[in-house]
Amino acid sequence: MTQAGATRFLEYYDKLYRQLADDGVFVDGRPFRMAYLLHQLDLMIQDGIEVHCVPVPGDYHEIDTVEDYHLASKDWARFARA
């Protein structure tokens, strides 16, 4: 993500948070605090904000816990050696 992209993403997040706070209903009846990154990106695209994909080596990892991070780190190390 570029610096400009990160700034835009955070500004959009702040806007959503001001509207919804932690427990406001966001997507699929879930509170905002339980939202996934994908949900925000989808809303940004629907609002006409350009979002681009950048391919990266390796597999996709959803990281929700410290344990997830450690498992993904092992896989990232494998691709870094390749």
PDB file of N, CA and C in Angstrom:
ATOM      1  N   MET A   1       0.851  -1.164   0.000  1.00  0.00           N
ATOM      2  CA  MET A   1       0.000   0.000   0.000  1.00  0.00           C
ATOM      3  C   MET A   1       0.902   1.235   0.000  1.00  0.00           C
ATOM      4  N   THR A   2       0.574   2.170  -0.837  1.00  0.00           N
ATOM      5  CA  THR A   2       1.341   3.417  -0.876  1.00  0.00           C
ATOM      6  C   THR A   2       0.981   4.283   0.329  1.00  0.00           C
ATOM      7  N   GLN A   3       1.795   5.296   0.557  1.00  0.00           N
ATOM      8  CA  GLN A   3       1.501   6.219   1.658  1.00  0.00           C
ATOM      9  C   GLN A   3       0.167   6.921   1.416  1.00  0.00           C
ATOM     10  N   ALA A   4      -0.073   7.323   0.171  1.00  0.00           N
ATOM     11  CA  ALA A   4      -1.344   7.985  -0.154  1.00  0.00           C
ATOM     12  C   ALA A   4      -2.512   7.024   0.055  1.00  0.00           C
ATOM     13  N   GLY A   5      -2.324   5.770  -0.343  1.00  0.00           N
ATOM     14  CA  GLY A   5      -3.372   4.769  -0.156  1.00  0.00           C
ATOM     15  C   GLY A   5      -3.653   4.513   1.314  1.00  0.00           C
ATOM     16  N   ALA A   6      -2.591   4.441   2.117  1.00  0.00           N
ATOM     17  CA  ALA A   6      -2.756   4.222   3.556  1.00  0.00           C
ATOM     18  C   ALA A   6      -3.494   5.394   4.192  1.00  0.00           C
ATOM     19  N   THR A   7      -3.147   6.595   3.776  1.00  0.00           N
ATOM     20  CA  THR A   7      -3.818   7.786   4.305  1.00  0.00           C
ATOM     21  C   THR A   7      -5.299   7.758   3.962  1.00  0.00           C
ATOM     22  N   ARG A   8      -5.609   7.440   2.718  1.00  0.00           N
ATOM     23  CA  ARG A   8      -7.010   7.388   2.288  1.00  0.00           C
ATOM     24  C   ARG A   8      -7.767   6.289   3.042  1.00  0.00           C
ATOM     25  N   PHE A   9      -7.123   5.142   3.205  1.00  0.00           N
ATOM     26  CA  PHE A   9      -7.745   4.032   3.922  1.00  0.00           C
ATOM     27  C   PHE A   9      -8.065   4.426   5.367  1.00  0.00           C
ATOM     28  N   LEU A  10      -7.094   5.046   6.042  1.00  0.00           N
ATOM     29  CA  LEU A  10      -7.295   5.445   7.439  1.00  0.00           C
ATOM     30  C   LEU A  10      -8.348   6.540   7.570  1.00  0.00           C
ATOM     31  N   GLU A  11      -8.366   7.471   6.635  1.00  0.00           N
ATOM     32  CA  GLU A  11      -9.392   8.516   6.657  1.00  0.00           C
ATOM     33  C   GLU A  11     -10.784   7.898   6.516  1.00  0.00           C
ATOM     34  N   TYR A  12     -10.894   6.919   5.628  1.00  0.00           N
ATOM     35  CA  TYR A  12     -12.179   6.252   5.420  1.00  0.00           C
ATOM     36  C   TYR A  12     -12.577   5.472   6.673  1.00  0.00           C
ATOM     37  N   TYR A  13     -11.612   4.799   7.277  1.00  0.00           N
ATOM     38  CA  TYR A  13     -11.862   4.074   8.528  1.00  0.00           C
ATOM     39  C   TYR A  13     -12.367   5.034   9.606  1.00  0.00           C
ATOM     40  N   ASP A  14     -11.684   6.160   9.747  1.00  0.00           N
ATOM     41  CA  ASP A  14     -12.094   7.147  10.754  1.00  0.00           C
ATOM     42  C   ASP A  14     -13.513   7.640  10.503  1.00  0.00           C
ATOM     43  N   LYS A  15     -13.858   7.849   9.233  1.00  0.00           N
ATOM     44  CA  LYS A  15     -15.211   8.281   8.880  1.00  0.00           C
ATOM     45  C   LYS A  15     -16.228   7.222   9.298  1.00  0.00           C
ATOM     46  N   LEU A  16     -15.938   5.971   8.985  1.00  0.00           N
ATOM     47  CA  LEU A  16     -16.843   4.889   9.377  1.00  0.00           C
ATOM     48  C   LEU A  16     -16.963   4.791  10.894  1.00  0.00           C
ATOM     49  N   TYR A  17     -15.840   4.927  11.575  1.00  0.00           N
ATOM     50  CA  TYR A  17     -15.858   4.812  13.036  1.00  0.00           C
ATOM     51  C   TYR A  17     -16.670   5.942  13.672  1.00  0.00           C
ATOM     52  N   ARG A  18     -16.552   7.145  13.117  1.00  0.00           N
ATOM     53  CA  ARG A  18     -17.357   8.261  13.633  1.00  0.00           C
ATOM     54  C   ARG A  18     -18.849   7.974  13.457  1.00  0.00           C
ATOM     55  N   GLN A  19     -19.199   7.313  12.360  1.00  0.00           N
ATOM     56  CA  GLN A  19     -20.601   7.008  12.090  1.00  0.00           C
ATOM     57  C   GLN A  19     -21.120   5.828  12.913  1.00  0.00           C
ATOM     58  N   LEU A  20     -20.266   4.835  13.137  1.00  0.00           N
ATOM     59  CA  LEU A  20     -20.740   3.572  13.703  1.00  0.00           C
ATOM     60  C   LEU A  20     -20.244   3.244  15.109  1.00  0.00           C
ATOM     61  N   ALA A  21     -19.113   3.816  15.511  1.00  0.00           N
ATOM     62  CA  ALA A  21     -18.443   3.433  16.762  1.00  0.00           C
ATOM     63  C   ALA A  21     -18.214   1.920  16.760  1.00  0.00           C
ATOM     64  N   ASP A  22     -17.938   1.352  17.905  1.00  0.00           N
ATOM     65  CA  ASP A  22     -17.607  -0.074  17.953  1.00  0.00           C
ATOM     66  C   ASP A  22     -18.790  -0.983  17.640  1.00  0.00           C
ATOM     67  N   ASP A  23     -19.974  -0.602  18.099  1.00  0.00           N
ATOM     68  CA  ASP A  23     -21.098  -1.527  18.048  1.00  0.00           C
ATOM     69  C   ASP A  23     -22.149  -1.213  16.998  1.00  0.00           C
ATOM     70  N   GLY A  24     -21.929  -0.188  16.179  1.00  0.00           N
ATOM     71  CA  GLY A  24     -22.875   0.109  15.112  1.00  0.00           C
ATOM     72  C   GLY A  24     -22.890  -1.013  14.086  1.00  0.00           C
ATOM     73  N   VAL A  25     -24.061  -1.323  13.556  1.00  0.00           N
ATOM     74  CA  VAL A  25     -24.193  -2.403  12.580  1.00  0.00           C
ATOM     75  C   VAL A  25     -23.486  -2.007  11.296  1.00  0.00           C
ATOM     76  N   PHE A  26     -22.619  -2.891  10.839  1.00  0.00           N
ATOM     77  CA  PHE A  26     -21.785  -2.579   9.676  1.00  0.00           C
ATOM     78  C   PHE A  26     -22.161  -3.446   8.485  1.00  0.00           C
ATOM     79  N   VAL A  27     -21.703  -4.672   8.443  1.00  0.00           N
ATOM     80  CA  VAL A  27     -21.960  -5.569   7.316  1.00  0.00           C
ATOM     81  C   VAL A  27     -22.508  -6.886   7.854  1.00  0.00           C
ATOM     82  N   ASP A  28     -23.491  -7.433   7.154  1.00  0.00           N
ATOM     83  CA  ASP A  28     -24.083  -8.719   7.532  1.00  0.00           C
ATOM     84  C   ASP A  28     -24.596  -8.726   8.972  1.00  0.00           C
ATOM     85  N   GLY A  29     -25.064  -7.571   9.457  1.00  0.00           N
ATOM     86  CA  GLY A  29     -25.605  -7.475  10.799  1.00  0.00           C
ATOM     87  C   GLY A  29     -24.570  -7.511  11.906  1.00  0.00           C
ATOM     88  N   ARG A  30     -23.302  -7.456  11.549  1.00  0.00           N
ATOM     89  CA  ARG A  30     -22.226  -7.506  12.544  1.00  0.00           C
ATOM     90  C   ARG A  30     -21.828  -6.096  12.959  1.00  0.00           C
ATOM     91  N   PRO A  31     -21.339  -5.958  14.202  1.00  0.00           N
ATOM     92  CA  PRO A  31     -20.871  -4.640  14.639  1.00  0.00           C
ATOM     93  C   PRO A  31     -19.579  -4.252  13.932  1.00  0.00           C
ATOM     94  N   PHE A  32     -19.352  -2.968  13.842  1.00  0.00           N
ATOM     95  CA  PHE A  32     -18.173  -2.444  13.153  1.00  0.00           C
ATOM     96  C   PHE A  32     -16.880  -3.047  13.691  1.00  0.00           C
ATOM     97  N   ARG A  33     -16.798  -3.246  15.001  1.00  0.00           N
ATOM     98  CA  ARG A  33     -15.563  -3.777  15.597  1.00  0.00           C
ATOM     99  C   ARG A  33     -15.246  -5.189  15.117  1.00  0.00           C
ATOM    100  N   MET A  34     -16.219  -5.876  14.507  1.00  0.00           N
ATOM    101  CA  MET A  34     -16.012  -7.240  14.018  1.00  0.00           C
ATOM    102  C   MET A  34     -15.809  -7.271  12.504  1.00  0.00           C
ATOM    103  N   ALA A  35     -15.673  -6.111  11.899  1.00  0.00           N
ATOM    104  CA  ALA A  35     -15.558  -6.035  10.443  1.00  0.00           C
ATOM    105  C   ALA A  35     -14.213  -6.566   9.968  1.00  0.00           C
ATOM    106  N   TYR A  36     -14.203  -7.027   8.748  1.00  0.00           N
ATOM    107  CA  TYR A  36     -12.981  -7.451   8.088  1.00  0.00           C
ATOM    108  C   TYR A  36     -12.486  -6.337   7.178  1.00  0.00           C
ATOM    109  N   LEU A  37     -11.213  -6.337   6.927  1.00  0.00           N
ATOM    110  CA  LEU A  37     -10.589  -5.383   6.013  1.00  0.00           C
ATOM    111  C   LEU A  37     -11.325  -5.384   4.672  1.00  0.00           C
ATOM    112  N   LEU A  38     -11.681  -6.560   4.222  1.00  0.00           N
ATOM    113  CA  LEU A  38     -12.377  -6.713   2.945  1.00  0.00           C
ATOM    114  C   LEU A  38     -13.666  -5.900   2.896  1.00  0.00           C
ATOM    115  N   HIS A  39     -14.378  -5.829   4.022  1.00  0.00           N
ATOM    116  CA  HIS A  39     -15.626  -5.062   4.056  1.00  0.00           C
ATOM    117  C   HIS A  39     -15.373  -3.582   3.789  1.00  0.00           C
ATOM    118  N   GLN A  40     -14.339  -3.041   4.410  1.00  0.00           N
ATOM    119  CA  GLN A  40     -14.042  -1.629   4.187  1.00  0.00           C
ATOM    120  C   GLN A  40     -13.592  -1.397   2.750  1.00  0.00           C
ATOM    121  N   LEU A  41     -12.744  -2.266   2.236  1.00  0.00           N
ATOM    122  CA  LEU A  41     -12.295  -2.103   0.850  1.00  0.00           C
ATOM    123  C   LEU A  41     -13.480  -2.142  -0.107  1.00  0.00           C
ATOM    124  N   ASP A  42     -14.423  -3.045   0.134  1.00  0.00           N
ATOM    125  CA  ASP A  42     -15.608  -3.139  -0.713  1.00  0.00           C
ATOM    126  C   ASP A  42     -16.412  -1.842  -0.677  1.00  0.00           C
ATOM    127  N   LEU A  43     -16.607  -1.278   0.505  1.00  0.00           N
ATOM    128  CA  LEU A  43     -17.337  -0.007   0.607  1.00  0.00           C
ATOM    129  C   LEU A  43     -16.600   1.124  -0.101  1.00  0.00           C
ATOM    130  N   MET A  44     -15.284   1.140   0.024  1.00  0.00           N
ATOM    131  CA  MET A  44     -14.497   2.180  -0.643  1.00  0.00           C
ATOM    132  C   MET A  44     -14.686   2.091  -2.152  1.00  0.00           C
ATOM    133  N   ILE A  45     -14.654   0.878  -2.690  1.00  0.00           N
ATOM    134  CA  ILE A  45     -14.851   0.681  -4.128  1.00  0.00           C
ATOM    135  C   ILE A  45     -16.254   1.128  -4.526  1.00  0.00           C
ATOM    136  N   GLN A  46     -17.262   0.756  -3.726  1.00  0.00           N
ATOM    137  CA  GLN A  46     -18.638   1.175  -4.013  1.00  0.00           C
ATOM    138  C   GLN A  46     -18.783   2.692  -4.001  1.00  0.00           C
ATOM    139  N   ASP A  47     -17.969   3.372  -3.195  1.00  0.00           N
ATOM    140  CA  ASP A  47     -17.993   4.835  -3.129  1.00  0.00           C
ATOM    141  C   ASP A  47     -17.149   5.486  -4.218  1.00  0.00           C
ATOM    142  N   GLY A  48     -16.617   4.675  -5.139  1.00  0.00           N
ATOM    143  CA  GLY A  48     -15.878   5.218  -6.271  1.00  0.00           C
ATOM    144  C   GLY A  48     -14.403   5.457  -6.020  1.00  0.00           C
ATOM    145  N   ILE A  49     -13.884   4.958  -4.922  1.00  0.00           N
ATOM    146  CA  ILE A  49     -12.459   5.114  -4.637  1.00  0.00           C
ATOM    147  C   ILE A  49     -11.706   4.006  -5.365  1.00  0.00           C
ATOM    148  N   GLU A  50     -10.693   4.389  -6.128  1.00  0.00           N
ATOM    149  CA  GLU A  50      -9.909   3.399  -6.867  1.00  0.00           C
ATOM    150  C   GLU A  50      -9.067   2.564  -5.919  1.00  0.00           C
ATOM    151  N   VAL A  51      -9.166   1.262  -6.077  1.00  0.00           N
ATOM    152  CA  VAL A  51      -8.363   0.317  -5.312  1.00  0.00           C
ATOM    153  C   VAL A  51      -7.696  -0.603  -6.319  1.00  0.00           C
ATOM    154  N   HIS A  52      -6.402  -0.798  -6.176  1.00  0.00           N
ATOM    155  CA  HIS A  52      -5.653  -1.634  -7.110  1.00  0.00           C
ATOM    156  C   HIS A  52      -5.089  -2.852  -6.401  1.00  0.00           C
ATOM    157  N   CYS A  53      -4.938  -3.907  -7.148  1.00  0.00           N
ATOM    158  CA  CYS A  53      -4.361  -5.143  -6.640  1.00  0.00           C
ATOM    159  C   CYS A  53      -2.870  -5.179  -6.972  1.00  0.00           C
ATOM    160  N   VAL A  54      -2.086  -5.641  -6.032  1.00  0.00           N
ATOM    161  CA  VAL A  54      -0.658  -5.833  -6.262  1.00  0.00           C
ATOM    162  C   VAL A  54      -0.342  -7.287  -5.942  1.00  0.00           C
ATOM    163  N   PRO A  55       0.051  -8.073  -6.949  1.00  0.00           N
ATOM    164  CA  PRO A  55       0.356  -9.474  -6.670  1.00  0.00           C
ATOM    165  C   PRO A  55       1.617  -9.603  -5.817  1.00  0.00           C
ATOM    166  N   VAL A  56       1.576 -10.522  -4.891  1.00  0.00           N
ATOM    167  CA  VAL A  56       2.728 -10.796  -4.028  1.00  0.00           C
ATOM    168  C   VAL A  56       2.950 -12.308  -4.003  1.00  0.00           C
ATOM    169  N   PRO A  57       4.187 -12.726  -3.795  1.00  0.00           N
ATOM    170  CA  PRO A  57       4.446 -14.166  -3.755  1.00  0.00           C
ATOM    171  C   PRO A  57       3.895 -14.780  -2.470  1.00  0.00           C
ATOM    172  N   GLY A  58       3.537 -16.023  -2.555  1.00  0.00           N
ATOM    173  CA  GLY A  58       3.083 -16.726  -1.361  1.00  0.00           C
ATOM    174  C   GLY A  58       1.585 -16.926  -1.348  1.00  0.00           C
ATOM    175  N   ASP A  59       1.147 -17.512  -0.282  1.00  0.00           N
ATOM    176  CA  ASP A  59      -0.265 -17.818  -0.112  1.00  0.00           C
ATOM    177  C   ASP A  59      -0.942 -16.747   0.734  1.00  0.00           C
ATOM    178  N   TYR A  60      -2.263 -16.683   0.621  1.00  0.00           N
ATOM    179  CA  TYR A  60      -3.058 -15.757   1.420  1.00  0.00           C
ATOM    180  C   TYR A  60      -3.170 -16.300   2.840  1.00  0.00           C
ATOM    181  N   HIS A  61      -3.043 -15.425   3.801  1.00  0.00           N
ATOM    182  CA  HIS A  61      -3.211 -15.806   5.199  1.00  0.00           C
ATOM    183  C   HIS A  61      -4.117 -14.795   5.882  1.00  0.00           C
ATOM    184  N   GLU A  62      -5.184 -15.287   6.470  1.00  0.00           N
ATOM    185  CA  GLU A  62      -6.023 -14.424   7.299  1.00  0.00           C
ATOM    186  C   GLU A  62      -5.451 -14.481   8.709  1.00  0.00           C
ATOM    187  N   ILE A  63      -5.083 -13.333   9.223  1.00  0.00           N
ATOM    188  CA  ILE A  63      -4.420 -13.287  10.521  1.00  0.00           C
ATOM    189  C   ILE A  63      -5.328 -12.580  11.516  1.00  0.00           C
ATOM    190  N   ASP A  64      -5.870 -13.372  12.426  1.00  0.00           N
ATOM    191  CA  ASP A  64      -6.754 -12.840  13.460  1.00  0.00           C
ATOM    192  C   ASP A  64      -6.164 -12.992  14.854  1.00  0.00           C
ATOM    193  N   THR A  65      -5.152 -13.824  14.984  1.00  0.00           N
ATOM    194  CA  THR A  65      -4.570 -14.085  16.299  1.00  0.00           C
ATOM    195  C   THR A  65      -3.050 -14.093  16.192  1.00  0.00           C
ATOM    196  N   VAL A  66      -2.394 -14.066  17.330  1.00  0.00           N
ATOM    197  CA  VAL A  66      -0.931 -14.164  17.350  1.00  0.00           C
ATOM    198  C   VAL A  66      -0.505 -15.519  16.791  1.00  0.00           C
ATOM    199  N   GLU A  67      -1.253 -16.556  17.101  1.00  0.00           N
ATOM    200  CA  GLU A  67      -0.942 -17.885  16.569  1.00  0.00           C
ATOM    201  C   GLU A  67      -1.021 -17.880  15.041  1.00  0.00           C
ATOM    202  N   ASP A  68      -2.044 -17.237  14.474  1.00  0.00           N
ATOM    203  CA  ASP A  68      -2.153 -17.115  13.015  1.00  0.00           C
ATOM    204  C   ASP A  68      -0.915 -16.443  12.441  1.00  0.00           C
ATOM    205  N   TYR A  69      -0.461 -15.393  13.103  1.00  0.00           N
ATOM    206  CA  TYR A  69       0.717 -14.662  12.642  1.00  0.00           C
ATOM    207  C   TYR A  69       1.946 -15.570  12.615  1.00  0.00           C
ATOM    208  N   HIS A  70       2.135 -16.346  13.664  1.00  0.00           N
ATOM    209  CA  HIS A  70       3.302 -17.229  13.718  1.00  0.00           C
ATOM    210  C   HIS A  70       3.238 -18.299  12.625  1.00  0.00           C
ATOM    211  N   LEU A  71       2.064 -18.842  12.374  1.00  0.00           N
ATOM    212  CA  LEU A  71       1.913 -19.816  11.296  1.00  0.00           C
ATOM    213  C   LEU A  71       2.211 -19.183   9.941  1.00  0.00           C
ATOM    214  N   ALA A  72       1.697 -17.997   9.713  1.00  0.00           N
ATOM    215  CA  ALA A  72       1.937 -17.302   8.448  1.00  0.00           C
ATOM    216  C   ALA A  72       3.408 -16.949   8.293  1.00  0.00           C
ATOM    217  N   SER A  73       4.061 -16.565   9.380  1.00  0.00           N
ATOM    218  CA  SER A  73       5.483 -16.198   9.326  1.00  0.00           C
ATOM    219  C   SER A  73       6.334 -17.345   8.807  1.00  0.00           C
ATOM    220  N   LYS A  74       5.995 -18.558   9.203  1.00  0.00           N
ATOM    221  CA  LYS A  74       6.734 -19.725   8.706  1.00  0.00           C
ATOM    222  C   LYS A  74       6.582 -19.847   7.195  1.00  0.00           C
ATOM    223  N   ASP A  75       5.375 -19.622   6.716  1.00  0.00           N
ATOM    224  CA  ASP A  75       5.135 -19.708   5.280  1.00  0.00           C
ATOM    225  C   ASP A  75       5.840 -18.575   4.542  1.00  0.00           C
ATOM    226  N   TRP A  76       5.822 -17.363   5.101  1.00  0.00           N
ATOM    227  CA  TRP A  76       6.498 -16.241   4.463  1.00  0.00           C
ATOM    228  C   TRP A  76       7.989 -16.505   4.359  1.00  0.00           C
ATOM    229  N   ALA A  77       8.560 -17.105   5.393  1.00  0.00           N
ATOM    230  CA  ALA A  77       9.988 -17.422   5.372  1.00  0.00           C
ATOM    231  C   ALA A  77      10.286 -18.416   4.256  1.00  0.00           C
ATOM    232  N   ARG A  78       9.390 -19.358   4.049  1.00  0.00           N
ATOM    233  CA  ARG A  78       9.565 -20.342   2.974  1.00  0.00           C
ATOM    234  C   ARG A  78       9.609 -19.645   1.614  1.00  0.00           C
ATOM    235  N   PHE A  79       8.739 -18.681   1.374  1.00  0.00           N
ATOM    236  CA  PHE A  79       8.722 -17.970   0.099  1.00  0.00           C
ATOM    237  C   PHE A  79       9.900 -17.010  -0.028  1.00  0.00           C
ATOM    238  N   ALA A  80      10.377 -16.484   1.078  1.00  0.00           N
ATOM    239  CA  ALA A  80      11.529 -15.573   1.038  1.00  0.00           C
ATOM    240  C   ALA A  80      12.786 -16.313   0.606  1.00  0.00           C
ATOM    241  N   ARG A  81      12.879 -17.594   0.958  1.00  0.00           N
ATOM    242  CA  ARG A  81      14.045 -18.397   0.569  1.00  0.00           C
ATOM    243  C   ARG A  81      13.978 -18.829  -0.882  1.00  0.00           C
ATOM    244  N   ALA A  82      12.786 -18.856  -1.451  1.00  0.00           N
ATOM    245  CA  ALA A  82      12.602 -19.351  -2.827  1.00  0.00           C
ATOM    246  C   ALA A  82      13.137 -18.385  -3.852  1.00  0.00           C
TER     247      ALA A  82
END
